[in-house]
Amino acid sequence: MKKTFSKNERLCSTKVINSLFDRKNSANEGVFAYPIRVVCKPSEETNTQVLFSVPKRQFKHAVDRNLIRRRMKEAYRLNKELLAKPYYISFIYVSKVIESYAAIEKGMKNSLKKL
């Protein structure tokens, strides 16, 4: 598997995103590996699509949110071969401080292994 993160791997469909965060749907799985919370749903497509989220309430400055999002994307890109089957995945950053890349990568590996 190539270690790239292309456009077709990004989750952009609002219909899919709404169904992913729908509390009524019990088919959605959830995994927690500090500092990342994962919400996922099995995908009907051939490839996995992902979404990265950093709350504006915790990090007021866009520079900080972008830094965390870049670290999460890089950790996913390097470790995405740990996934066995295709999913729609949302990675949500839950820590109140900016963690190092090593901590984010450790959380990403743990969450991908749990899936």
PDB file of N, CA and C in Angstrom:
ATOM      1  N   MET A   1       0.844  -1.176   0.000  1.00  0.00           N
ATOM      2  CA  MET A   1       0.000   0.000   0.000  1.00  0.00           C
ATOM      3  C   MET A   1       0.894   1.246   0.000  1.00  0.00           C
ATOM      4  N   LYS A   2       0.565   2.178  -0.880  1.00  0.00           N
ATOM      5  CA  LYS A   2       1.352   3.399  -0.971  1.00  0.00           C
ATOM      6  C   LYS A   2       1.088   4.276   0.245  1.00  0.00           C
ATOM      7  N   LYS A   3       2.131   4.932   0.712  1.00  0.00           N
ATOM      8  CA  LYS A   3       2.005   5.802   1.875  1.00  0.00           C
ATOM      9  C   LYS A   3       1.717   7.224   1.436  1.00  0.00           C
ATOM     10  N   THR A   4       0.551   7.391   0.823  1.00  0.00           N
ATOM     11  CA  THR A   4       0.113   8.708   0.382  1.00  0.00           C
ATOM     12  C   THR A   4      -1.241   9.007   1.001  1.00  0.00           C
ATOM     13  N   PHE A   5      -1.646  10.253   0.942  1.00  0.00           N
ATOM     14  CA  PHE A   5      -2.968  10.657   1.407  1.00  0.00           C
ATOM     15  C   PHE A   5      -3.594  11.500   0.312  1.00  0.00           C
ATOM     16  N   SER A   6      -4.309  10.844  -0.585  1.00  0.00           N
ATOM     17  CA  SER A   6      -4.833  11.518  -1.771  1.00  0.00           C
ATOM     18  C   SER A   6      -6.240  12.066  -1.529  1.00  0.00           C
ATOM     19  N   LYS A   7      -6.736  12.783  -2.509  1.00  0.00           N
ATOM     20  CA  LYS A   7      -8.035  13.439  -2.423  1.00  0.00           C
ATOM     21  C   LYS A   7      -9.173  12.436  -2.224  1.00  0.00           C
ATOM     22  N   ASN A   8      -9.085  11.270  -2.879  1.00  0.00           N
ATOM     23  CA  ASN A   8     -10.188  10.313  -2.770  1.00  0.00           C
ATOM     24  C   ASN A   8     -10.206   9.590  -1.420  1.00  0.00           C
ATOM     25  N   GLU A   9      -9.213   9.820  -0.569  1.00  0.00           N
ATOM     26  CA  GLU A   9      -9.207   9.255   0.777  1.00  0.00           C
ATOM     27  C   GLU A   9      -9.820  10.203   1.803  1.00  0.00           C
ATOM     28  N   ARG A  10     -10.147  11.421   1.401  1.00  0.00           N
ATOM     29  CA  ARG A  10     -10.736  12.390   2.319  1.00  0.00           C
ATOM     30  C   ARG A  10     -12.251  12.229   2.334  1.00  0.00           C
ATOM     31  N   LEU A  11     -12.823  12.303   3.508  1.00  0.00           N
ATOM     32  CA  LEU A  11     -14.266  12.194   3.667  1.00  0.00           C
ATOM     33  C   LEU A  11     -14.881  13.579   3.523  1.00  0.00           C
ATOM     34  N   CYS A  12     -15.646  13.777   2.443  1.00  0.00           N
ATOM     35  CA  CYS A  12     -16.210  15.095   2.150  1.00  0.00           C
ATOM     36  C   CYS A  12     -17.731  15.096   2.101  1.00  0.00           C
ATOM     37  N   SER A  13     -18.337  13.949   1.927  1.00  0.00           N
ATOM     38  CA  SER A  13     -19.781  13.852   1.752  1.00  0.00           C
ATOM     39  C   SER A  13     -20.518  14.196   3.049  1.00  0.00           C
ATOM     40  N   THR A  14     -21.371  15.220   2.995  1.00  0.00           N
ATOM     41  CA  THR A  14     -22.108  15.612   4.197  1.00  0.00           C
ATOM     42  C   THR A  14     -23.101  14.535   4.613  1.00  0.00           C
ATOM     43  N   LYS A  15     -23.625  13.805   3.667  1.00  0.00           N
ATOM     44  CA  LYS A  15     -24.565  12.721   3.988  1.00  0.00           C
ATOM     45  C   LYS A  15     -23.865  11.636   4.806  1.00  0.00           C
ATOM     46  N   VAL A  16     -22.680  11.262   4.400  1.00  0.00           N
ATOM     47  CA  VAL A  16     -21.914  10.239   5.125  1.00  0.00           C
ATOM     48  C   VAL A  16     -21.473  10.762   6.490  1.00  0.00           C
ATOM     49  N   ILE A  17     -21.048  12.023   6.539  1.00  0.00           N
ATOM     50  CA  ILE A  17     -20.604  12.610   7.809  1.00  0.00           C
ATOM     51  C   ILE A  17     -21.764  12.663   8.794  1.00  0.00           C
ATOM     52  N   ASN A  18     -22.946  13.074   8.337  1.00  0.00           N
ATOM     53  CA  ASN A  18     -24.117  13.110   9.212  1.00  0.00           C
ATOM     54  C   ASN A  18     -24.496  11.718   9.702  1.00  0.00           C
ATOM     55  N   SER A  19     -24.413  10.713   8.844  1.00  0.00           N
ATOM     56  CA  SER A  19     -24.733   9.354   9.273  1.00  0.00           C
ATOM     57  C   SER A  19     -23.665   8.811  10.229  1.00  0.00           C
ATOM     58  N   LEU A  20     -22.445   9.285  10.083  1.00  0.00           N
ATOM     59  CA  LEU A  20     -21.358   8.855  10.966  1.00  0.00           C
ATOM     60  C   LEU A  20     -21.574   9.363  12.397  1.00  0.00           C
ATOM     61  N   PHE A  21     -22.064  10.590  12.527  1.00  0.00           N
ATOM     62  CA  PHE A  21     -22.286  11.179  13.846  1.00  0.00           C
ATOM     63  C   PHE A  21     -23.727  11.054  14.329  1.00  0.00           C
ATOM     64  N   ASP A  22     -24.553  10.287  13.635  1.00  0.00           N
ATOM     65  CA  ASP A  22     -25.938  10.064  14.037  1.00  0.00           C
ATOM     66  C   ASP A  22     -25.971   9.172  15.272  1.00  0.00           C
ATOM     67  N   ARG A  23     -26.508   9.683  16.367  1.00  0.00           N
ATOM     68  CA  ARG A  23     -26.537   8.920  17.619  1.00  0.00           C
ATOM     69  C   ARG A  23     -27.564   7.791  17.578  1.00  0.00           C
ATOM     70  N   LYS A  24     -28.516   7.848  16.680  1.00  0.00           N
ATOM     71  CA  LYS A  24     -29.543   6.809  16.588  1.00  0.00           C
ATOM     72  C   LYS A  24     -29.015   5.537  15.942  1.00  0.00           C
ATOM     73  N   ASN A  25     -27.979   5.671  15.123  1.00  0.00           N
ATOM     74  CA  ASN A  25     -27.440   4.528  14.389  1.00  0.00           C
ATOM     75  C   ASN A  25     -26.454   3.771  15.271  1.00  0.00           C
ATOM     76  N   SER A  26     -26.789   2.535  15.610  1.00  0.00           N
ATOM     77  CA  SER A  26     -25.925   1.746  16.493  1.00  0.00           C
ATOM     78  C   SER A  26     -24.828   1.023  15.725  1.00  0.00           C
ATOM     79  N   ALA A  27     -24.832   1.105  14.393  1.00  0.00           N
ATOM     80  CA  ALA A  27     -23.805   0.432  13.593  1.00  0.00           C
ATOM     81  C   ALA A  27     -22.464   1.155  13.653  1.00  0.00           C
ATOM     82  N   ASN A  28     -22.459   2.388  14.104  1.00  0.00           N
ATOM     83  CA  ASN A  28     -21.214   3.151  14.196  1.00  0.00           C
ATOM     84  C   ASN A  28     -20.404   2.674  15.397  1.00  0.00           C
ATOM     85  N   GLU A  29     -19.128   2.446  15.161  1.00  0.00           N
ATOM     86  CA  GLU A  29     -18.233   1.998  16.222  1.00  0.00           C
ATOM     87  C   GLU A  29     -17.470   3.190  16.772  1.00  0.00           C
ATOM     88  N   GLY A  30     -17.012   3.058  17.992  1.00  0.00           N
ATOM     89  CA  GLY A  30     -16.204   4.106  18.590  1.00  0.00           C
ATOM     90  C   GLY A  30     -14.995   3.512  19.285  1.00  0.00           C
ATOM     91  N   VAL A  31     -13.862   4.155  19.127  1.00  0.00           N
ATOM     92  CA  VAL A  31     -12.612   3.707  19.742  1.00  0.00           C
ATOM     93  C   VAL A  31     -11.960   4.926  20.365  1.00  0.00           C
ATOM     94  N   PHE A  32     -11.332   4.722  21.524  1.00  0.00           N
ATOM     95  CA  PHE A  32     -10.616   5.820  22.161  1.00  0.00           C
ATOM     96  C   PHE A  32      -9.186   5.391  22.444  1.00  0.00           C
ATOM     97  N   ALA A  33      -8.240   6.167  21.967  1.00  0.00           N
ATOM     98  CA  ALA A  33      -6.820   5.968  22.252  1.00  0.00           C
ATOM     99  C   ALA A  33      -6.225   7.362  22.405  1.00  0.00           C
ATOM    100  N   TYR A  34      -5.949   7.753  23.642  1.00  0.00           N
ATOM    101  CA  TYR A  34      -5.511   9.117  23.920  1.00  0.00           C
ATOM    102  C   TYR A  34      -4.357   9.521  23.021  1.00  0.00           C
ATOM    103  N   PRO A  35      -4.398  10.662  22.412  1.00  0.00           N
ATOM    104  CA  PRO A  35      -5.290  11.810  22.493  1.00  0.00           C
ATOM    105  C   PRO A  35      -6.329  11.855  21.373  1.00  0.00           C
ATOM    106  N   ILE A  36      -6.695  10.694  20.816  1.00  0.00           N
ATOM    107  CA  ILE A  36      -7.598  10.656  19.666  1.00  0.00           C
ATOM    108  C   ILE A  36      -8.817   9.800  19.980  1.00  0.00           C
ATOM    109  N   ARG A  37      -9.993  10.320  19.630  1.00  0.00           N
ATOM    110  CA  ARG A  37     -11.219   9.542  19.688  1.00  0.00           C
ATOM    111  C   ARG A  37     -11.615   9.245  18.250  1.00  0.00           C
ATOM    112  N   VAL A  38     -12.023   8.023  17.988  1.00  0.00           N
ATOM    113  CA  VAL A  38     -12.330   7.595  16.633  1.00  0.00           C
ATOM    114  C   VAL A  38     -13.793   7.174  16.557  1.00  0.00           C
ATOM    115  N   VAL A  39     -14.489   7.696  15.555  1.00  0.00           N
ATOM    116  CA  VAL A  39     -15.845   7.251  15.243  1.00  0.00           C
ATOM    117  C   VAL A  39     -15.777   6.679  13.837  1.00  0.00           C
ATOM    118  N   CYS A  40     -16.240   5.441  13.673  1.00  0.00           N
ATOM    119  CA  CYS A  40     -16.120   4.829  12.352  1.00  0.00           C
ATOM    120  C   CYS A  40     -17.358   4.021  12.009  1.00  0.00           C
ATOM    121  N   LYS A  41     -17.469   3.733  10.728  1.00  0.00           N
ATOM    122  CA  LYS A  41     -18.594   2.997  10.184  1.00  0.00           C
ATOM    123  C   LYS A  41     -18.067   2.204   9.000  1.00  0.00           C
ATOM    124  N   PRO A  42     -18.461   0.950   8.844  1.00  0.00           N
ATOM    125  CA  PRO A  42     -17.998   0.184   7.680  1.00  0.00           C
ATOM    126  C   PRO A  42     -18.401   0.863   6.368  1.00  0.00           C
ATOM    127  N   SER A  43     -17.503   0.824   5.412  1.00  0.00           N
ATOM    128  CA  SER A  43     -17.704   1.506   4.141  1.00  0.00           C
ATOM    129  C   SER A  43     -18.162   0.523   3.079  1.00  0.00           C
ATOM    130  N   GLU A  44     -19.004   0.998   2.183  1.00  0.00           N
ATOM    131  CA  GLU A  44     -19.438   0.190   1.048  1.00  0.00           C
ATOM    132  C   GLU A  44     -18.459   0.316  -0.113  1.00  0.00           C
ATOM    133  N   GLU A  45     -17.610   1.335  -0.066  1.00  0.00           N
ATOM    134  CA  GLU A  45     -16.663   1.571  -1.150  1.00  0.00           C
ATOM    135  C   GLU A  45     -15.408   0.728  -0.956  1.00  0.00           C
ATOM    136  N   THR A  46     -14.511   0.794  -1.934  1.00  0.00           N
ATOM    137  CA  THR A  46     -13.302  -0.026  -1.886  1.00  0.00           C
ATOM    138  C   THR A  46     -12.198   0.584  -1.036  1.00  0.00           C
ATOM    139  N   ASN A  47     -12.208   1.901  -0.841  1.00  0.00           N
ATOM    140  CA  ASN A  47     -11.139   2.519  -0.063  1.00  0.00           C
ATOM    141  C   ASN A  47     -11.684   3.195   1.189  1.00  0.00           C
ATOM    142  N   THR A  48     -10.820   3.366   2.164  1.00  0.00           N
ATOM    143  CA  THR A  48     -11.158   4.024   3.416  1.00  0.00           C
ATOM    144  C   THR A  48     -11.150   5.532   3.213  1.00  0.00           C
ATOM    145  N   GLN A  49     -12.148   6.207   3.790  1.00  0.00           N
ATOM    146  CA  GLN A  49     -12.189   7.665   3.737  1.00  0.00           C
ATOM    147  C   GLN A  49     -12.157   8.194   5.160  1.00  0.00           C
ATOM    148  N   VAL A  50     -11.354   9.242   5.388  1.00  0.00           N
ATOM    149  CA  VAL A  50     -11.151   9.745   6.743  1.00  0.00           C
ATOM    150  C   VAL A  50     -11.399  11.241   6.849  1.00  0.00           C
ATOM    151  N   LEU A  51     -11.689  11.661   8.076  1.00  0.00           N
ATOM    152  CA  LEU A  51     -11.961  13.052   8.417  1.00  0.00           C
ATOM    153  C   LEU A  51     -11.180  13.366   9.690  1.00  0.00           C
ATOM    154  N   PHE A  52     -10.525  14.515   9.752  1.00  0.00           N
ATOM    155  CA  PHE A  52      -9.749  14.917  10.925  1.00  0.00           C
ATOM    156  C   PHE A  52     -10.388  16.158  11.520  1.00  0.00           C
ATOM    157  N   SER A  53     -10.599  16.128  12.840  1.00  0.00           N
ATOM    158  CA  SER A  53     -11.275  17.232  13.502  1.00  0.00           C
ATOM    159  C   SER A  53     -10.528  17.647  14.764  1.00  0.00           C
ATOM    160  N   VAL A  54     -10.357  18.969  14.916  1.00  0.00           N
ATOM    161  CA  VAL A  54      -9.755  19.545  16.120  1.00  0.00           C
ATOM    162  C   VAL A  54     -10.718  20.632  16.588  1.00  0.00           C
ATOM    163  N   PRO A  55     -11.191  20.562  17.847  1.00  0.00           N
ATOM    164  CA  PRO A  55     -12.219  21.501  18.299  1.00  0.00           C
ATOM    165  C   PRO A  55     -11.721  22.939  18.445  1.00  0.00           C
ATOM    166  N   LYS A  56     -12.510  23.838  17.936  1.00  0.00           N
ATOM    167  CA  LYS A  56     -12.187  25.260  18.025  1.00  0.00           C
ATOM    168  C   LYS A  56     -12.347  25.770  19.461  1.00  0.00           C
ATOM    169  N   ARG A  57     -13.186  25.107  20.227  1.00  0.00           N
ATOM    170  CA  ARG A  57     -13.393  25.499  21.618  1.00  0.00           C
ATOM    171  C   ARG A  57     -12.111  25.330  22.446  1.00  0.00           C
ATOM    172  N   GLN A  58     -11.353  24.280  22.163  1.00  0.00           N
ATOM    173  CA  GLN A  58     -10.128  24.017  22.914  1.00  0.00           C
ATOM    174  C   GLN A  58      -8.941  24.840  22.408  1.00  0.00           C
ATOM    175  N   PHE A  59      -8.865  24.991  21.076  1.00  0.00           N
ATOM    176  CA  PHE A  59      -7.730  25.687  20.452  1.00  0.00           C
ATOM    177  C   PHE A  59      -8.260  26.854  19.634  1.00  0.00           C
ATOM    178  N   LYS A  60      -8.160  28.036  20.200  1.00  0.00           N
ATOM    179  CA  LYS A  60      -8.738  29.233  19.585  1.00  0.00           C
ATOM    180  C   LYS A  60      -7.996  29.660  18.318  1.00  0.00           C
ATOM    181  N   HIS A  61      -6.693  29.416  18.262  1.00  0.00           N
ATOM    182  CA  HIS A  61      -5.887  29.879  17.138  1.00  0.00           C
ATOM    183  C   HIS A  61      -5.848  28.822  16.034  1.00  0.00           C
ATOM    184  N   ALA A  62      -6.103  29.243  14.820  1.00  0.00           N
ATOM    185  CA  ALA A  62      -6.109  28.332  13.680  1.00  0.00           C
ATOM    186  C   ALA A  62      -4.737  27.690  13.463  1.00  0.00           C
ATOM    187  N   VAL A  63      -3.686  28.386  13.828  1.00  0.00           N
ATOM    188  CA  VAL A  63      -2.331  27.857  13.684  1.00  0.00           C
ATOM    189  C   VAL A  63      -2.175  26.576  14.506  1.00  0.00           C
ATOM    190  N   ASP A  64      -2.705  26.595  15.726  1.00  0.00           N
ATOM    191  CA  ASP A  64      -2.618  25.420  16.590  1.00  0.00           C
ATOM    192  C   ASP A  64      -3.454  24.264  16.049  1.00  0.00           C
ATOM    193  N   ARG A  65      -4.669  24.570  15.599  1.00  0.00           N
ATOM    194  CA  ARG A  65      -5.537  23.521  15.035  1.00  0.00           C
ATOM    195  C   ARG A  65      -4.906  22.899  13.800  1.00  0.00           C
ATOM    196  N   ASN A  66      -4.318  23.722  12.947  1.00  0.00           N
ATOM    197  CA  ASN A  66      -3.679  23.208  11.734  1.00  0.00           C
ATOM    198  C   ASN A  66      -2.466  22.349  12.056  1.00  0.00           C
ATOM    199  N   LEU A  67      -1.692  22.728  13.064  1.00  0.00           N
ATOM    200  CA  LEU A  67      -0.538  21.949  13.476  1.00  0.00           C
ATOM    201  C   LEU A  67      -0.962  20.550  13.943  1.00  0.00           C
ATOM    202  N   ILE A  68      -1.975  20.508  14.777  1.00  0.00           N
ATOM    203  CA  ILE A  68      -2.461  19.216  15.277  1.00  0.00           C
ATOM    204  C   ILE A  68      -3.029  18.384  14.137  1.00  0.00           C
ATOM    205  N   ARG A  69      -3.788  19.019  13.253  1.00  0.00           N
ATOM    206  CA  ARG A  69      -4.380  18.298  12.114  1.00  0.00           C
ATOM    207  C   ARG A  69      -3.291  17.736  11.201  1.00  0.00           C
ATOM    208  N   ARG A  70      -2.233  18.500  10.951  1.00  0.00           N
ATOM    209  CA  ARG A  70      -1.118  18.004  10.133  1.00  0.00           C
ATOM    210  C   ARG A  70      -0.438  16.818  10.790  1.00  0.00           C
ATOM    211  N   ARG A  71      -0.245  16.875  12.099  1.00  0.00           N
ATOM    212  CA  ARG A  71       0.364  15.750  12.812  1.00  0.00           C
ATOM    213  C   ARG A  71      -0.511  14.509  12.751  1.00  0.00           C
ATOM    214  N   MET A  72      -1.818  14.686  12.872  1.00  0.00           N
ATOM    215  CA  MET A  72      -2.732  13.532  12.799  1.00  0.00           C
ATOM    216  C   MET A  72      -2.736  12.934  11.394  1.00  0.00           C
ATOM    217  N   LYS A  73      -2.738  13.776  10.369  1.00  0.00           N
ATOM    218  CA  LYS A  73      -2.716  13.289   8.990  1.00  0.00           C
ATOM    219  C   LYS A  73      -1.443  12.509   8.698  1.00  0.00           C
ATOM    220  N   GLU A  74      -0.317  13.011   9.171  1.00  0.00           N
ATOM    221  CA  GLU A  74       0.957  12.336   8.942  1.00  0.00           C
ATOM    222  C   GLU A  74       0.996  10.998   9.667  1.00  0.00           C
ATOM    223  N   ALA A  75       0.507  10.945  10.888  1.00  0.00           N
ATOM    224  CA  ALA A  75       0.469   9.691  11.635  1.00  0.00           C
ATOM    225  C   ALA A  75      -0.443   8.683  10.948  1.00  0.00           C
ATOM    226  N   TYR A  76      -1.576   9.144  10.414  1.00  0.00           N
ATOM    227  CA  TYR A  76      -2.475   8.241   9.680  1.00  0.00           C
ATOM    228  C   TYR A  76      -1.813   7.752   8.394  1.00  0.00           C
ATOM    229  N   ARG A  77      -1.196   8.664   7.657  1.00  0.00           N
ATOM    230  CA  ARG A  77      -0.586   8.323   6.372  1.00  0.00           C
ATOM    231  C   ARG A  77       0.461   7.236   6.526  1.00  0.00           C
ATOM    232  N   LEU A  78       1.256   7.302   7.574  1.00  0.00           N
ATOM    233  CA  LEU A  78       2.330   6.340   7.766  1.00  0.00           C
ATOM    234  C   LEU A  78       1.856   5.003   8.333  1.00  0.00           C
ATOM    235  N   ASN A  79       0.667   4.976   8.940  1.00  0.00           N
ATOM    236  CA  ASN A  79       0.205   3.762   9.620  1.00  0.00           C
ATOM    237  C   ASN A  79      -1.114   3.221   9.092  1.00  0.00           C
ATOM    238  N   LYS A  80      -1.580   3.677   7.945  1.00  0.00           N
ATOM    239  CA  LYS A  80      -2.888   3.258   7.465  1.00  0.00           C
ATOM    240  C   LYS A  80      -2.943   1.807   7.011  1.00  0.00           C
ATOM    241  N   GLU A  81      -1.792   1.153   6.841  1.00  0.00           N
ATOM    242  CA  GLU A  81      -1.808  -0.252   6.435  1.00  0.00           C
ATOM    243  C   GLU A  81      -2.281  -1.162   7.565  1.00  0.00           C
ATOM    244  N   LEU A  82      -2.440  -0.637   8.781  1.00  0.00           N
ATOM    245  CA  LEU A  82      -2.947  -1.423   9.904  1.00  0.00           C
ATOM    246  C   LEU A  82      -4.441  -1.718   9.776  1.00  0.00           C
ATOM    247  N   LEU A  83      -5.137  -0.987   8.909  1.00  0.00           N
ATOM    248  CA  LEU A  83      -6.568  -1.227   8.697  1.00  0.00           C
ATOM    249  C   LEU A  83      -6.766  -2.454   7.815  1.00  0.00           C
ATOM    250  N   ALA A  84      -7.716  -3.310   8.196  1.00  0.00           N
ATOM    251  CA  ALA A  84      -7.953  -4.539   7.454  1.00  0.00           C
ATOM    252  C   ALA A  84      -9.005  -4.354   6.366  1.00  0.00           C
ATOM    253  N   LYS A  85     -10.076  -3.622   6.677  1.00  0.00           N
ATOM    254  CA  LYS A  85     -11.146  -3.439   5.696  1.00  0.00           C
ATOM    255  C   LYS A  85     -11.517  -1.963   5.597  1.00  0.00           C
ATOM    256  N   PRO A  86     -12.261  -1.566   4.561  1.00  0.00           N
ATOM    257  CA  PRO A  86     -12.572  -0.139   4.360  1.00  0.00           C
ATOM    258  C   PRO A  86     -13.584   0.391   5.372  1.00  0.00           C
ATOM    259  N   TYR A  87     -13.350   1.616   5.813  1.00  0.00           N
ATOM    260  CA  TYR A  87     -14.204   2.301   6.775  1.00  0.00           C
ATOM    261  C   TYR A  87     -14.394   3.753   6.360  1.00  0.00           C
ATOM    262  N   TYR A  88     -15.445   4.360   6.934  1.00  0.00           N
ATOM    263  CA  TYR A  88     -15.556   5.810   7.008  1.00  0.00           C
ATOM    264  C   TYR A  88     -15.102   6.139   8.424  1.00  0.00           C
ATOM    265  N   ILE A  89     -14.073   6.956   8.554  1.00  0.00           N
ATOM    266  CA  ILE A  89     -13.487   7.201   9.872  1.00  0.00           C
ATOM    267  C   ILE A  89     -13.406   8.693  10.150  1.00  0.00           C
ATOM    268  N   SER A  90     -13.699   9.052  11.402  1.00  0.00           N
ATOM    269  CA  SER A  90     -13.493  10.413  11.874  1.00  0.00           C
ATOM    270  C   SER A  90     -12.537  10.368  13.055  1.00  0.00           C
ATOM    271  N   PHE A  91     -11.421  11.087  12.942  1.00  0.00           N
ATOM    272  CA  PHE A  91     -10.453  11.202  14.026  1.00  0.00           C
ATOM    273  C   PHE A  91     -10.685  12.534  14.719  1.00  0.00           C
ATOM    274  N   ILE A  92     -11.001  12.493  16.009  1.00  0.00           N
ATOM    275  CA  ILE A  92     -11.289  13.698  16.769  1.00  0.00           C
ATOM    276  C   ILE A  92     -10.240  13.848  17.860  1.00  0.00           C
ATOM    277  N   TYR A  93      -9.592  14.984  17.897  1.00  0.00           N
ATOM    278  CA  TYR A  93      -8.545  15.257  18.871  1.00  0.00           C
ATOM    279  C   TYR A  93      -9.208  15.683  20.178  1.00  0.00           C
ATOM    280  N   VAL A  94      -8.897  15.008  21.290  1.00  0.00           N
ATOM    281  CA  VAL A  94      -9.591  15.275  22.552  1.00  0.00           C
ATOM    282  C   VAL A  94      -8.714  15.902  23.637  1.00  0.00           C
ATOM    283  N   SER A  95      -7.425  15.955  23.454  1.00  0.00           N
ATOM    284  CA  SER A  95      -6.542  16.518  24.472  1.00  0.00           C
ATOM    285  C   SER A  95      -6.727  18.029  24.565  1.00  0.00           C
ATOM    286  N   LYS A  96      -6.455  18.569  25.748  1.00  0.00           N
ATOM    287  CA  LYS A  96      -6.587  20.006  25.948  1.00  0.00           C
ATOM    288  C   LYS A  96      -5.286  20.754  25.694  1.00  0.00           C
ATOM    289  N   VAL A  97      -4.198  20.019  25.458  1.00  0.00           N
ATOM    290  CA  VAL A  97      -2.899  20.630  25.165  1.00  0.00           C
ATOM    291  C   VAL A  97      -2.388  20.072  23.836  1.00  0.00           C
ATOM    292  N   ILE A  98      -1.430  20.759  23.254  1.00  0.00           N
ATOM    293  CA  ILE A  98      -0.839  20.296  22.000  1.00  0.00           C
ATOM    294  C   ILE A  98       0.171  19.197  22.329  1.00  0.00           C
ATOM    295  N   GLU A  99      -0.140  17.974  21.942  1.00  0.00           N
ATOM    296  CA  GLU A  99       0.729  16.828  22.208  1.00  0.00           C
ATOM    297  C   GLU A  99       1.838  16.774  21.163  1.00  0.00           C
ATOM    298  N   SER A 100       2.907  16.074  21.483  1.00  0.00           N
ATOM    299  CA  SER A 100       4.001  15.886  20.538  1.00  0.00           C
ATOM    300  C   SER A 100       3.567  14.912  19.446  1.00  0.00           C
ATOM    301  N   TYR A 101       4.331  14.899  18.367  1.00  0.00           N
ATOM    302  CA  TYR A 101       4.011  13.987  17.268  1.00  0.00           C
ATOM    303  C   TYR A 101       4.087  12.535  17.729  1.00  0.00           C
ATOM    304  N   ALA A 102       5.037  12.202  18.579  1.00  0.00           N
ATOM    305  CA  ALA A 102       5.200  10.826  19.060  1.00  0.00           C
ATOM    306  C   ALA A 102       3.955  10.359  19.819  1.00  0.00           C
ATOM    307  N   ALA A 103       3.377  11.225  20.651  1.00  0.00           N
ATOM    308  CA  ALA A 103       2.170  10.871  21.399  1.00  0.00           C
ATOM    309  C   ALA A 103       0.981  10.694  20.464  1.00  0.00           C
ATOM    310  N   ILE A 104       0.866  11.573  19.470  1.00  0.00           N
ATOM    311  CA  ILE A 104      -0.237  11.469  18.509  1.00  0.00           C
ATOM    312  C   ILE A 104      -0.089  10.198  17.679  1.00  0.00           C
ATOM    313  N   GLU A 105       1.137   9.882  17.258  1.00  0.00           N
ATOM    314  CA  GLU A 105       1.352   8.674  16.466  1.00  0.00           C
ATOM    315  C   GLU A 105       1.048   7.415  17.284  1.00  0.00           C
ATOM    316  N   LYS A 106       1.404   7.418  18.555  1.00  0.00           N
ATOM    317  CA  LYS A 106       1.115   6.275  19.421  1.00  0.00           C
ATOM    318  C   LYS A 106      -0.398   6.067  19.550  1.00  0.00           C
ATOM    319  N   GLY A 107      -1.146   7.157  19.759  1.00  0.00           N
ATOM    320  CA  GLY A 107      -2.601   7.074  19.828  1.00  0.00           C
ATOM    321  C   GLY A 107      -3.211   6.619  18.516  1.00  0.00           C
ATOM    322  N   MET A 108      -2.651   7.091  17.401  1.00  0.00           N
ATOM    323  CA  MET A 108      -3.147   6.698  16.077  1.00  0.00           C
ATOM    324  C   MET A 108      -2.922   5.207  15.846  1.00  0.00           C
ATOM    325  N   LYS A 109      -1.738   4.703  16.166  1.00  0.00           N
ATOM    326  CA  LYS A 109      -1.451   3.277  15.996  1.00  0.00           C
ATOM    327  C   LYS A 109      -2.388   2.428  16.839  1.00  0.00           C
ATOM    328  N   ASN A 110      -2.599   2.824  18.093  1.00  0.00           N
ATOM    329  CA  ASN A 110      -3.476   2.059  18.979  1.00  0.00           C
ATOM    330  C   ASN A 110      -4.905   2.034  18.459  1.00  0.00           C
ATOM    331  N   SER A 111      -5.392   3.177  17.987  1.00  0.00           N
ATOM    332  CA  SER A 111      -6.761   3.227  17.484  1.00  0.00           C
ATOM    333  C   SER A 111      -6.938   2.433  16.203  1.00  0.00           C
ATOM    334  N   LEU A 112      -5.936   2.472  15.310  1.00  0.00           N
ATOM    335  CA  LEU A 112      -6.030   1.698  14.070  1.00  0.00           C
ATOM    336  C   LEU A 112      -5.948   0.199  14.341  1.00  0.00           C
ATOM    337  N   LYS A 113      -5.180  -0.204  15.349  1.00  0.00           N
ATOM    338  CA  LYS A 113      -5.113  -1.615  15.707  1.00  0.00           C
ATOM    339  C   LYS A 113      -6.441  -2.094  16.281  1.00  0.00           C
ATOM    340  N   LYS A 114      -7.112  -1.233  17.066  1.00  0.00           N
ATOM    341  CA  LYS A 114      -8.405  -1.609  17.653  1.00  0.00           C
ATOM    342  C   LYS A 114      -9.484  -1.773  16.595  1.00  0.00           C
ATOM    343  N   LEU A 115      -9.345  -1.046  15.486  1.00  0.00           N
ATOM    344  CA  LEU A 115     -10.330  -1.176  14.415  1.00  0.00           C
ATOM    345  C   LEU A 115     -10.105  -2.481  13.674  1.00  0.00           C
TER     346      LEU A 115
END
